[in-house]
mmCIF file of all heavy atoms, coordinates in Angstrom:
data_MODEL
# 
_entry.id   MODEL 
# 
loop_
_atom_site.group_PDB 
_atom_site.id 
_atom_site.type_symbol 
_atom_site.label_atom_id 
_atom_site.label_alt_id 
_atom_site.label_comp_id 
_atom_site.label_asym_id 
_atom_site.label_entity_id 
_atom_site.label_seq_id 
_atom_site.pdbx_PDB_ins_code 
_atom_site.Cartn_x 
_atom_site.Cartn_y 
_atom_site.Cartn_z 
_atom_site.occupancy 
_atom_site.B_iso_or_equiv 
_atom_site.pdbx_formal_charge 
_atom_site.auth_seq_id 
_atom_site.auth_comp_id 
_atom_site.auth_asym_id 
_atom_site.auth_atom_id 
_atom_site.pdbx_PDB_model_num 
ATOM 1   N N   . GLU A 1 1  ? 93.858  4.623  106.577 1.00 0.00 ? 1  GLU A N   1 
ATOM 2   C CA  . GLU A 1 1  ? 92.484  4.484  106.103 1.00 0.00 ? 1  GLU A CA  1 
ATOM 3   C C   . GLU A 1 1  ? 91.707  3.583  107.074 1.00 0.00 ? 1  GLU A C   1 
ATOM 4   O O   . GLU A 1 1  ? 92.314  2.860  107.878 1.00 0.00 ? 1  GLU A O   1 
ATOM 5   C CB  . GLU A 1 1  ? 92.468  3.880  104.701 1.00 0.00 ? 1  GLU A CB  1 
ATOM 6   C CG  . GLU A 1 1  ? 93.248  4.679  103.656 1.00 0.00 ? 1  GLU A CG  1 
ATOM 7   C CD  . GLU A 1 1  ? 92.631  6.033  103.355 1.00 0.00 ? 1  GLU A CD  1 
ATOM 8   O OE1 . GLU A 1 1  ? 91.385  6.125  103.321 1.00 0.00 ? 1  GLU A OE1 1 
ATOM 9   O OE2 . GLU A 1 1  ? 93.386  6.999  103.148 1.00 0.00 ? 1  GLU A OE2 1 
ATOM 10  N N   . PRO A 1 2  ? 90.370  3.594  107.005 1.00 0.00 ? 2  PRO A N   1 
ATOM 11  C CA  . PRO A 1 2  ? 89.568  2.780  107.933 1.00 0.00 ? 2  PRO A CA  1 
ATOM 12  C C   . PRO A 1 2  ? 89.854  1.281  107.857 1.00 0.00 ? 2  PRO A C   1 
ATOM 13  O O   . PRO A 1 2  ? 89.630  0.562  108.831 1.00 0.00 ? 2  PRO A O   1 
ATOM 14  C CB  . PRO A 1 2  ? 88.120  3.076  107.505 1.00 0.00 ? 2  PRO A CB  1 
ATOM 15  C CG  . PRO A 1 2  ? 88.186  4.407  106.842 1.00 0.00 ? 2  PRO A CG  1 
ATOM 16  C CD  . PRO A 1 2  ? 89.519  4.469  106.168 1.00 0.00 ? 2  PRO A CD  1 
ATOM 17  N N   . ASP A 1 3  ? 90.355  0.799  106.701 1.00 0.00 ? 3  ASP A N   1 
ATOM 18  C CA  . ASP A 1 3  ? 90.667  -0.631 106.589 1.00 0.00 ? 3  ASP A CA  1 
ATOM 19  C C   . ASP A 1 3  ? 92.080  -0.958 107.064 1.00 0.00 ? 3  ASP A C   1 
ATOM 20  O O   . ASP A 1 3  ? 92.567  -2.074 106.870 1.00 0.00 ? 3  ASP A O   1 
ATOM 21  C CB  . ASP A 1 3  ? 90.458  -1.118 105.150 1.00 0.00 ? 3  ASP A CB  1 
ATOM 22  C CG  . ASP A 1 3  ? 91.360  -0.415 104.139 1.00 0.00 ? 3  ASP A CG  1 
ATOM 23  O OD1 . ASP A 1 3  ? 92.096  0.522  104.539 1.00 0.00 ? 3  ASP A OD1 1 
ATOM 24  O OD2 . ASP A 1 3  ? 91.327  -0.782 102.953 1.00 0.00 ? 3  ASP A OD2 1 
ATOM 25  N N   . GLU A 1 4  ? 92.737  0.019  107.690 1.00 0.00 ? 4  GLU A N   1 
ATOM 26  C CA  . GLU A 1 4  ? 94.108  -0.188 108.168 1.00 0.00 ? 4  GLU A CA  1 
ATOM 27  C C   . GLU A 1 4  ? 94.220  -0.047 109.691 1.00 0.00 ? 4  GLU A C   1 
ATOM 28  O O   . GLU A 1 4  ? 95.289  0.268  110.216 1.00 0.00 ? 4  GLU A O   1 
ATOM 29  C CB  . GLU A 1 4  ? 95.058  0.803  107.484 1.00 0.00 ? 4  GLU A CB  1 
ATOM 30  C CG  . GLU A 1 4  ? 95.155  0.607  105.978 1.00 0.00 ? 4  GLU A CG  1 
ATOM 31  C CD  . GLU A 1 4  ? 96.002  1.668  105.293 1.00 0.00 ? 4  GLU A CD  1 
ATOM 32  O OE1 . GLU A 1 4  ? 95.924  2.857  105.690 1.00 0.00 ? 4  GLU A OE1 1 
ATOM 33  O OE2 . GLU A 1 4  ? 96.744  1.308  104.348 1.00 0.00 ? 4  GLU A OE2 1 
ATOM 34  N N   . LEU A 1 5  ? 93.115  -0.279 110.385 1.00 0.00 ? 5  LEU A N   1 
ATOM 35  C CA  . LEU A 1 5  ? 93.124  -0.103 111.845 1.00 0.00 ? 5  LEU A CA  1 
ATOM 36  C C   . LEU A 1 5  ? 94.067  -1.075 112.545 1.00 0.00 ? 5  LEU A C   1 
ATOM 37  O O   . LEU A 1 5  ? 94.482  -0.827 113.680 1.00 0.00 ? 5  LEU A O   1 
ATOM 38  C CB  . LEU A 1 5  ? 91.704  -0.248 112.412 1.00 0.00 ? 5  LEU A CB  1 
ATOM 39  C CG  . LEU A 1 5  ? 90.667  0.779  111.944 1.00 0.00 ? 5  LEU A CG  1 
ATOM 40  C CD1 . LEU A 1 5  ? 89.359  0.589  112.705 1.00 0.00 ? 5  LEU A CD1 1 
ATOM 41  C CD2 . LEU A 1 5  ? 91.175  2.204  112.099 1.00 0.00 ? 5  LEU A CD2 1 
ATOM 42  N N   . PHE A 1 6  ? 94.437  -2.165 111.864 1.00 0.00 ? 6  PHE A N   1 
ATOM 43  C CA  . PHE A 1 6  ? 95.409  -3.094 112.446 1.00 0.00 ? 6  PHE A CA  1 
ATOM 44  C C   . PHE A 1 6  ? 96.745  -2.396 112.705 1.00 0.00 ? 6  PHE A C   1 
ATOM 45  O O   . PHE A 1 6  ? 97.540  -2.840 113.542 1.00 0.00 ? 6  PHE A O   1 
ATOM 46  C CB  . PHE A 1 6  ? 95.615  -4.305 111.516 1.00 0.00 ? 6  PHE A CB  1 
ATOM 47  C CG  . PHE A 1 6  ? 96.169  -3.942 110.156 1.00 0.00 ? 6  PHE A CG  1 
ATOM 48  C CD1 . PHE A 1 6  ? 97.543  -3.909 109.935 1.00 0.00 ? 6  PHE A CD1 1 
ATOM 49  C CD2 . PHE A 1 6  ? 95.307  -3.629 109.102 1.00 0.00 ? 6  PHE A CD2 1 
ATOM 50  C CE1 . PHE A 1 6  ? 98.053  -3.578 108.699 1.00 0.00 ? 6  PHE A CE1 1 
ATOM 51  C CE2 . PHE A 1 6  ? 95.816  -3.291 107.861 1.00 0.00 ? 6  PHE A CE2 1 
ATOM 52  C CZ  . PHE A 1 6  ? 97.192  -3.264 107.648 1.00 0.00 ? 6  PHE A CZ  1 
ATOM 53  N N   . MET A 1 7  ? 96.994  -1.296 111.999 1.00 0.00 ? 7  MET A N   1 
ATOM 54  C CA  . MET A 1 7  ? 98.257  -0.563 112.167 1.00 0.00 ? 7  MET A CA  1 
ATOM 55  C C   . MET A 1 7  ? 98.301  0.218  113.480 1.00 0.00 ? 7  MET A C   1 
ATOM 56  O O   . MET A 1 7  ? 99.359  0.735  113.858 1.00 0.00 ? 7  MET A O   1 
ATOM 57  C CB  . MET A 1 7  ? 98.481  0.385  110.989 1.00 0.00 ? 7  MET A CB  1 
ATOM 58  C CG  . MET A 1 7  ? 98.587  -0.327 109.654 1.00 0.00 ? 7  MET A CG  1 
ATOM 59  S SD  . MET A 1 7  ? 99.134  0.758  108.328 1.00 0.00 ? 7  MET A SD  1 
ATOM 60  C CE  . MET A 1 7  ? 100.901 0.786  108.635 1.00 0.00 ? 7  MET A CE  1 
ATOM 61  N N   . LEU A 1 8  ? 97.180  0.297  114.188 1.00 0.00 ? 8  LEU A N   1 
ATOM 62  C CA  . LEU A 1 8  ? 97.184  0.984  115.485 1.00 0.00 ? 8  LEU A CA  1 
ATOM 63  C C   . LEU A 1 8  ? 98.100  0.278  116.486 1.00 0.00 ? 8  LEU A C   1 
ATOM 64  O O   . LEU A 1 8  ? 98.564  0.891  117.443 1.00 0.00 ? 8  LEU A O   1 
ATOM 65  C CB  . LEU A 1 8  ? 95.752  1.056  116.046 1.00 0.00 ? 8  LEU A CB  1 
ATOM 66  C CG  . LEU A 1 8  ? 94.804  1.991  115.295 1.00 0.00 ? 8  LEU A CG  1 
ATOM 67  C CD1 . LEU A 1 8  ? 93.387  1.872  115.856 1.00 0.00 ? 8  LEU A CD1 1 
ATOM 68  C CD2 . LEU A 1 8  ? 95.281  3.439  115.357 1.00 0.00 ? 8  LEU A CD2 1 
ATOM 69  N N   . LYS A 1 9  ? 98.385  -1.009 116.253 1.00 0.00 ? 9  LYS A N   1 
ATOM 70  C CA  . LYS A 1 9  ? 99.346  -1.727 117.112 1.00 0.00 ? 9  LYS A CA  1 
ATOM 71  C C   . LYS A 1 9  ? 100.713 -1.050 117.051 1.00 0.00 ? 9  LYS A C   1 
ATOM 72  O O   . LYS A 1 9  ? 101.419 -0.928 118.061 1.00 0.00 ? 9  LYS A O   1 
ATOM 73  C CB  . LYS A 1 9  ? 99.434  -3.184 116.647 1.00 0.00 ? 9  LYS A CB  1 
ATOM 74  C CG  . LYS A 1 9  ? 100.471 -4.028 117.412 1.00 0.00 ? 9  LYS A CG  1 
ATOM 75  C CD  . LYS A 1 9  ? 100.039 -4.268 118.849 1.00 0.00 ? 9  LYS A CD  1 
ATOM 76  C CE  . LYS A 1 9  ? 100.808 -5.388 119.520 1.00 0.00 ? 9  LYS A CE  1 
ATOM 77  N NZ  . LYS A 1 9  ? 102.247 -5.236 119.587 1.00 0.00 ? 9  LYS A NZ  1 
ATOM 78  N N   . LYS A 1 10 ? 101.096 -0.564 115.863 1.00 0.00 ? 10 LYS A N   1 
ATOM 79  C CA  . LYS A 1 10 ? 102.380 0.135  115.708 1.00 0.00 ? 10 LYS A CA  1 
ATOM 80  C C   . LYS A 1 10 ? 102.371 1.448  116.489 1.00 0.00 ? 10 LYS A C   1 
ATOM 81  O O   . LYS A 1 10 ? 103.384 1.852  117.061 1.00 0.00 ? 10 LYS A O   1 
ATOM 82  C CB  . LYS A 1 10 ? 102.653 0.415  114.231 1.00 0.00 ? 10 LYS A CB  1 
ATOM 83  C CG  . LYS A 1 10 ? 102.850 -0.833 113.388 1.00 0.00 ? 10 LYS A CG  1 
ATOM 84  C CD  . LYS A 1 10 ? 103.085 -0.499 111.926 1.00 0.00 ? 10 LYS A CD  1 
ATOM 85  C CE  . LYS A 1 10 ? 104.450 0.126  111.706 1.00 0.00 ? 10 LYS A CE  1 
ATOM 86  N NZ  . LYS A 1 10 ? 104.734 0.348  110.266 1.00 0.00 ? 10 LYS A NZ  1 
ATOM 87  N N   . LEU A 1 11 ? 101.218 2.108  116.515 1.00 0.00 ? 11 LEU A N   1 
ATOM 88  C CA  . LEU A 1 11 ? 101.081 3.353  117.270 1.00 0.00 ? 11 LEU A CA  1 
ATOM 89  C C   . LEU A 1 11 ? 101.317 3.090  118.757 1.00 0.00 ? 11 LEU A C   1 
ATOM 90  O O   . LEU A 1 11 ? 102.041 3.830  119.428 1.00 0.00 ? 11 LEU A O   1 
ATOM 91  C CB  . LEU A 1 11 ? 99.683  3.948  117.042 1.00 0.00 ? 11 LEU A CB  1 
ATOM 92  C CG  . LEU A 1 11 ? 99.348  5.218  117.815 1.00 0.00 ? 11 LEU A CG  1 
ATOM 93  C CD1 . LEU A 1 11 ? 100.169 6.393  117.303 1.00 0.00 ? 11 LEU A CD1 1 
ATOM 94  C CD2 . LEU A 1 11 ? 97.849  5.535  117.718 1.00 0.00 ? 11 LEU A CD2 1 
ATOM 95  N N   . ILE A 1 12 ? 100.700 2.039  119.255 1.00 0.00 ? 12 ILE A N   1 
ATOM 96  C CA  . ILE A 1 12 ? 100.802 1.705  120.680 1.00 0.00 ? 12 ILE A CA  1 
ATOM 97  C C   . ILE A 1 12 ? 102.224 1.264  121.045 1.00 0.00 ? 12 ILE A C   1 
ATOM 98  O O   . ILE A 1 12 ? 102.735 1.579  122.118 1.00 0.00 ? 12 ILE A O   1 
ATOM 99  C CB  . ILE A 1 12 ? 99.766  0.615  121.028 1.00 0.00 ? 12 ILE A CB  1 
ATOM 100 C CG1 . ILE A 1 12 ? 98.356  1.199  120.889 1.00 0.00 ? 12 ILE A CG1 1 
ATOM 101 C CG2 . ILE A 1 12 ? 99.987  0.070  122.420 1.00 0.00 ? 12 ILE A CG2 1 
ATOM 102 C CD1 . ILE A 1 12 ? 97.286  0.198  120.632 1.00 0.00 ? 12 ILE A CD1 1 
ATOM 103 N N   . ASP A 1 13 ? 102.886 0.572  120.109 1.00 0.00 ? 13 ASP A N   1 
ATOM 104 C CA  . ASP A 1 13 ? 104.250 0.092  120.351 1.00 0.00 ? 13 ASP A CA  1 
ATOM 105 C C   . ASP A 1 13 ? 105.297 1.188  120.146 1.00 0.00 ? 13 ASP A C   1 
ATOM 106 O O   . ASP A 1 13 ? 106.487 0.956  120.408 1.00 0.00 ? 13 ASP A O   1 
ATOM 107 C CB  . ASP A 1 13 ? 104.569 -1.088 119.426 1.00 0.00 ? 13 ASP A CB  1 
ATOM 108 C CG  . ASP A 1 13 ? 103.777 -2.335 119.779 1.00 0.00 ? 13 ASP A CG  1 
ATOM 109 O OD1 . ASP A 1 13 ? 103.258 -2.403 120.918 1.00 0.00 ? 13 ASP A OD1 1 
ATOM 110 O OD2 . ASP A 1 13 ? 103.648 -3.230 118.918 1.00 0.00 ? 13 ASP A OD2 1 
ATOM 111 N N   . GLY A 1 14 ? 104.862 2.349  119.640 1.00 0.00 ? 14 GLY A N   1 
ATOM 112 C CA  . GLY A 1 14 ? 105.823 3.416  119.356 1.00 0.00 ? 14 GLY A CA  1 
ATOM 113 C C   . GLY A 1 14 ? 106.618 3.173  118.082 1.00 0.00 ? 14 GLY A C   1 
ATOM 114 O O   . GLY A 1 14 ? 107.674 3.783  117.872 1.00 0.00 ? 14 GLY A O   1 
ATOM 115 N N   . ASP A 1 15 ? 106.113 2.291  117.222 1.00 0.00 ? 15 ASP A N   1 
ATOM 116 C CA  . ASP A 1 15 ? 106.808 1.922  115.989 1.00 0.00 ? 15 ASP A CA  1 
ATOM 117 C C   . ASP A 1 15 ? 106.366 2.846  114.848 1.00 0.00 ? 15 ASP A C   1 
ATOM 118 O O   . ASP A 1 15 ? 105.634 2.448  113.944 1.00 0.00 ? 15 ASP A O   1 
ATOM 119 C CB  . ASP A 1 15 ? 106.502 0.453  115.653 1.00 0.00 ? 15 ASP A CB  1 
ATOM 120 C CG  . ASP A 1 15 ? 107.234 -0.024 114.403 1.00 0.00 ? 15 ASP A CG  1 
ATOM 121 O OD1 . ASP A 1 15 ? 108.193 0.652  113.977 1.00 0.00 ? 15 ASP A OD1 1 
ATOM 122 O OD2 . ASP A 1 15 ? 106.819 -1.066 113.843 1.00 0.00 ? 15 ASP A OD2 1 
ATOM 123 N N   . TYR A 1 16 ? 106.791 4.097  114.932 1.00 0.00 ? 16 TYR A N   1 
ATOM 124 C CA  . TYR A 1 16 ? 106.403 5.065  113.901 1.00 0.00 ? 16 TYR A CA  1 
ATOM 125 C C   . TYR A 1 16 ? 107.429 6.189  113.832 1.00 0.00 ? 16 TYR A C   1 
ATOM 126 O O   . TYR A 1 16 ? 108.283 6.317  114.705 1.00 0.00 ? 16 TYR A O   1 
ATOM 127 C CB  . TYR A 1 16 ? 105.009 5.641  114.185 1.00 0.00 ? 16 TYR A CB  1 
ATOM 128 C CG  . TYR A 1 16 ? 104.847 6.283  115.556 1.00 0.00 ? 16 TYR A CG  1 
ATOM 129 C CD1 . TYR A 1 16 ? 105.258 7.593  115.794 1.00 0.00 ? 16 TYR A CD1 1 
ATOM 130 C CD2 . TYR A 1 16 ? 104.254 5.575  116.610 1.00 0.00 ? 16 TYR A CD2 1 
ATOM 131 C CE1 . TYR A 1 16 ? 105.093 8.179  117.040 1.00 0.00 ? 16 TYR A CE1 1 
ATOM 132 C CE2 . TYR A 1 16 ? 104.102 6.158  117.863 1.00 0.00 ? 16 TYR A CE2 1 
ATOM 133 C CZ  . TYR A 1 16 ? 104.517 7.457  118.070 1.00 0.00 ? 16 TYR A CZ  1 
ATOM 134 O OH  . TYR A 1 16 ? 104.360 8.046  119.295 1.00 0.00 ? 16 TYR A OH  1 
ATOM 135 N N   . THR A 1 17 ? 107.323 6.977  112.764 1.00 0.00 ? 17 THR A N   1 
ATOM 136 C CA  . THR A 1 17 ? 108.172 8.162  112.634 1.00 0.00 ? 17 THR A CA  1 
ATOM 137 C C   . THR A 1 17 ? 107.295 9.407  112.745 1.00 0.00 ? 17 THR A C   1 
ATOM 138 O O   . THR A 1 17 ? 106.058 9.319  112.645 1.00 0.00 ? 17 THR A O   1 
ATOM 139 C CB  . THR A 1 17 ? 108.918 8.180  111.285 1.00 0.00 ? 17 THR A CB  1 
ATOM 140 O OG1 . THR A 1 17 ? 107.950 8.111  110.219 1.00 0.00 ? 17 THR A OG1 1 
ATOM 141 C CG2 . THR A 1 17 ? 109.874 7.004  111.185 1.00 0.00 ? 17 THR A CG2 1 
ATOM 142 N N   . ILE A 1 18 ? 107.939 10.541 112.949 1.00 0.00 ? 18 ILE A N   1 
ATOM 143 C CA  . ILE A 1 18 ? 107.219 11.814 113.067 1.00 0.00 ? 18 ILE A CA  1 
ATOM 144 C C   . ILE A 1 18 ? 107.608 12.733 111.912 1.00 0.00 ? 18 ILE A C   1 
ATOM 145 O O   . ILE A 1 18 ? 108.795 12.888 111.612 1.00 0.00 ? 18 ILE A O   1 
ATOM 146 C CB  . ILE A 1 18 ? 107.548 12.516 114.408 1.00 0.00 ? 18 ILE A CB  1 
ATOM 147 C CG1 . ILE A 1 18 ? 107.010 11.703 115.586 1.00 0.00 ? 18 ILE A CG1 1 
ATOM 148 C CG2 . ILE A 1 18 ? 106.986 13.934 114.437 1.00 0.00 ? 18 ILE A CG2 1 
ATOM 149 C CD1 . ILE A 1 18 ? 105.500 11.623 115.639 1.00 0.00 ? 18 ILE A CD1 1 
ATOM 150 N N   . GLU A 1 19 ? 106.617 13.284 111.252 1.00 0.00 ? 19 GLU A N   1 
ATOM 151 C CA  . GLU A 1 19 ? 106.856 14.311 110.232 1.00 0.00 ? 19 GLU A CA  1 
ATOM 152 C C   . GLU A 1 19 ? 106.514 15.665 110.835 1.00 0.00 ? 19 GLU A C   1 
ATOM 153 O O   . GLU A 1 19 ? 105.375 15.896 111.256 1.00 0.00 ? 19 GLU A O   1 
ATOM 154 C CB  . GLU A 1 19 ? 105.981 14.074 108.993 1.00 0.00 ? 19 GLU A CB  1 
ATOM 155 C CG  . GLU A 1 19 ? 106.491 13.002 108.084 1.00 0.00 ? 19 GLU A CG  1 
ATOM 156 C CD  . GLU A 1 19 ? 105.727 12.985 106.758 1.00 0.00 ? 19 GLU A CD  1 
ATOM 157 O OE1 . GLU A 1 19 ? 104.841 13.852 106.550 1.00 0.00 ? 19 GLU A OE1 1 
ATOM 158 O OE2 . GLU A 1 19 ? 106.006 12.095 105.944 1.00 0.00 ? 19 GLU A OE2 1 
ATOM 159 N N   . LYS A 1 20 ? 107.492 16.546 110.873 1.00 0.00 ? 20 LYS A N   1 
ATOM 160 C CA  . LYS A 1 20 ? 107.246 17.886 111.386 1.00 0.00 ? 20 LYS A CA  1 
ATOM 161 C C   . LYS A 1 20 ? 106.834 18.792 110.228 1.00 0.00 ? 20 LYS A C   1 
ATOM 162 O O   . LYS A 1 20 ? 107.560 18.918 109.246 1.00 0.00 ? 20 LYS A O   1 
ATOM 163 C CB  . LYS A 1 20 ? 108.488 18.422 112.093 1.00 0.00 ? 20 LYS A CB  1 
ATOM 164 C CG  . LYS A 1 20 ? 108.810 17.670 113.380 1.00 0.00 ? 20 LYS A CG  1 
ATOM 165 C CD  . LYS A 1 20 ? 109.928 18.333 114.164 1.00 0.00 ? 20 LYS A CD  1 
ATOM 166 C CE  . LYS A 1 20 ? 110.146 17.599 115.491 1.00 0.00 ? 20 LYS A CE  1 
ATOM 167 N NZ  . LYS A 1 20 ? 111.185 18.237 116.321 1.00 0.00 ? 20 LYS A NZ  1 
ATOM 168 N N   . ARG A 1 21 ? 105.660 19.393 110.350 1.00 0.00 ? 21 ARG A N   1 
ATOM 169 C CA  . ARG A 1 21 ? 105.122 20.244 109.299 1.00 0.00 ? 21 ARG A CA  1 
ATOM 170 C C   . ARG A 1 21 ? 105.117 21.705 109.740 1.00 0.00 ? 21 ARG A C   1 
ATOM 171 O O   . ARG A 1 21 ? 104.618 22.050 110.820 1.00 0.00 ? 21 ARG A O   1 
ATOM 172 C CB  . ARG A 1 21 ? 103.687 19.819 108.965 1.00 0.00 ? 21 ARG A CB  1 
ATOM 173 C CG  . ARG A 1 21 ? 103.545 18.362 108.504 1.00 0.00 ? 21 ARG A CG  1 
ATOM 174 C CD  . ARG A 1 21 ? 104.097 18.160 107.109 1.00 0.00 ? 21 ARG A CD  1 
ATOM 175 N NE  . ARG A 1 21 ? 103.881 16.811 106.631 1.00 0.00 ? 21 ARG A NE  1 
ATOM 176 C CZ  . ARG A 1 21 ? 102.792 16.421 105.946 1.00 0.00 ? 21 ARG A CZ  1 
ATOM 177 N NH1 . ARG A 1 21 ? 101.820 17.295 105.686 1.00 0.00 ? 21 ARG A NH1 1 
ATOM 178 N NH2 . ARG A 1 21 ? 102.685 15.180 105.529 1.00 0.00 ? 21 ARG A NH2 1 
ATOM 179 N N   . MET A 1 22 ? 105.682 22.543 108.899 1.00 0.00 ? 22 MET A N   1 
ATOM 180 C CA  . MET A 1 22 ? 105.699 23.971 109.142 1.00 0.00 ? 22 MET A CA  1 
ATOM 181 C C   . MET A 1 22 ? 104.276 24.536 109.173 1.00 0.00 ? 22 MET A C   1 
ATOM 182 O O   . MET A 1 22 ? 103.383 24.064 108.470 1.00 0.00 ? 22 MET A O   1 
ATOM 183 C CB  . MET A 1 22 ? 106.484 24.634 108.005 1.00 0.00 ? 22 MET A CB  1 
ATOM 184 C CG  . MET A 1 22 ? 106.473 26.137 107.997 1.00 0.00 ? 22 MET A CG  1 
ATOM 185 S SD  . MET A 1 22 ? 107.226 26.735 106.464 1.00 0.00 ? 22 MET A SD  1 
ATOM 186 C CE  . MET A 1 22 ? 106.331 28.272 106.297 1.00 0.00 ? 22 MET A CE  1 
ATOM 187 N N   . MET A 1 23 ? 104.059 25.549 110.005 1.00 0.00 ? 23 MET A N   1 
ATOM 188 C CA  . MET A 1 23 ? 102.775 26.249 110.068 1.00 0.00 ? 23 MET A CA  1 
ATOM 189 C C   . MET A 1 23 ? 102.982 27.736 109.776 1.00 0.00 ? 23 MET A C   1 
ATOM 190 O O   . MET A 1 23 ? 104.116 28.236 109.818 1.00 0.00 ? 23 MET A O   1 
ATOM 191 C CB  . MET A 1 23 ? 102.134 26.076 111.443 1.00 0.00 ? 23 MET A CB  1 
ATOM 192 C CG  . MET A 1 23 ? 101.851 24.632 111.807 1.00 0.00 ? 23 MET A CG  1 
ATOM 193 S SD  . MET A 1 23 ? 101.076 24.457 113.437 1.00 0.00 ? 23 MET A SD  1 
ATOM 194 C CE  . MET A 1 23 ? 99.388  24.975 113.084 1.00 0.00 ? 23 MET A CE  1 
ATOM 195 N N   . LEU A 1 24 ? 101.902 28.411 109.469 1.00 0.00 ? 24 LEU A N   1 
ATOM 196 C CA  . LEU A 1 24 ? 101.941 29.863 109.265 1.00 0.00 ? 24 LEU A CA  1 
ATOM 197 C C   . LEU A 1 24 ? 101.426 30.577 110.507 1.00 0.00 ? 24 LEU A C   1 
ATOM 198 O O   . LEU A 1 24 ? 100.506 30.091 111.179 1.00 0.00 ? 24 LEU A O   1 
ATOM 199 C CB  . LEU A 1 24 ? 101.063 30.271 108.079 1.00 0.00 ? 24 LEU A CB  1 
ATOM 200 C CG  . LEU A 1 24 ? 101.426 29.735 106.698 1.00 0.00 ? 24 LEU A CG  1 
ATOM 201 C CD1 . LEU A 1 24 ? 100.378 30.176 105.676 1.00 0.00 ? 24 LEU A CD1 1 
ATOM 202 C CD2 . LEU A 1 24 ? 102.817 30.178 106.273 1.00 0.00 ? 24 LEU A CD2 1 
ATOM 203 N N   . LYS A 1 25 ? 102.021 31.717 110.793 1.00 0.00 ? 25 LYS A N   1 
ATOM 204 C CA  . LYS A 1 25 ? 101.455 32.630 111.788 1.00 0.00 ? 25 LYS A CA  1 
ATOM 205 C C   . LYS A 1 25 ? 100.873 33.810 111.027 1.00 0.00 ? 25 LYS A C   1 
ATOM 206 O O   . LYS A 1 25 ? 101.567 34.450 110.237 1.00 0.00 ? 25 LYS A O   1 
ATOM 207 C CB  . LYS A 1 25 ? 102.508 33.106 112.786 1.00 0.00 ? 25 LYS A CB  1 
ATOM 208 C CG  . LYS A 1 25 ? 101.937 34.070 113.828 1.00 0.00 ? 25 LYS A CG  1 
ATOM 209 C CD  . LYS A 1 25 ? 102.897 34.305 114.996 1.00 0.00 ? 25 LYS A CD  1 
ATOM 210 C CE  . LYS A 1 25 ? 104.052 35.182 114.584 1.00 0.00 ? 25 LYS A CE  1 
ATOM 211 N NZ  . LYS A 1 25 ? 104.914 35.547 115.741 1.00 0.00 ? 25 LYS A NZ  1 
ATOM 212 N N   . ILE A 1 26 ? 99.589  34.066 111.245 1.00 0.00 ? 26 ILE A N   1 
ATOM 213 C CA  . ILE A 1 26 ? 98.887  35.145 110.546 1.00 0.00 ? 26 ILE A CA  1 
ATOM 214 C C   . ILE A 1 26 ? 98.502  36.202 111.570 1.00 0.00 ? 26 ILE A C   1 
ATOM 215 O O   . ILE A 1 26 ? 97.821  35.905 112.550 1.00 0.00 ? 26 ILE A O   1 
ATOM 216 C CB  . ILE A 1 26 ? 97.612  34.624 109.830 1.00 0.00 ? 26 ILE A CB  1 
ATOM 217 C CG1 . ILE A 1 26 ? 97.995  33.532 108.826 1.00 0.00 ? 26 ILE A CG1 1 
ATOM 218 C CG2 . ILE A 1 26 ? 96.867  35.755 109.143 1.00 0.00 ? 26 ILE A CG2 1 
ATOM 219 C CD1 . ILE A 1 26 ? 97.721  32.132 109.296 1.00 0.00 ? 26 ILE A CD1 1 
# 
């Protein structure tokens, strides 16, 4: 959320997980 921009430090440090989401082919 906009009040959580402090968490961008984790993005820069690579301190995150990845969720892989399935997509559809139409």
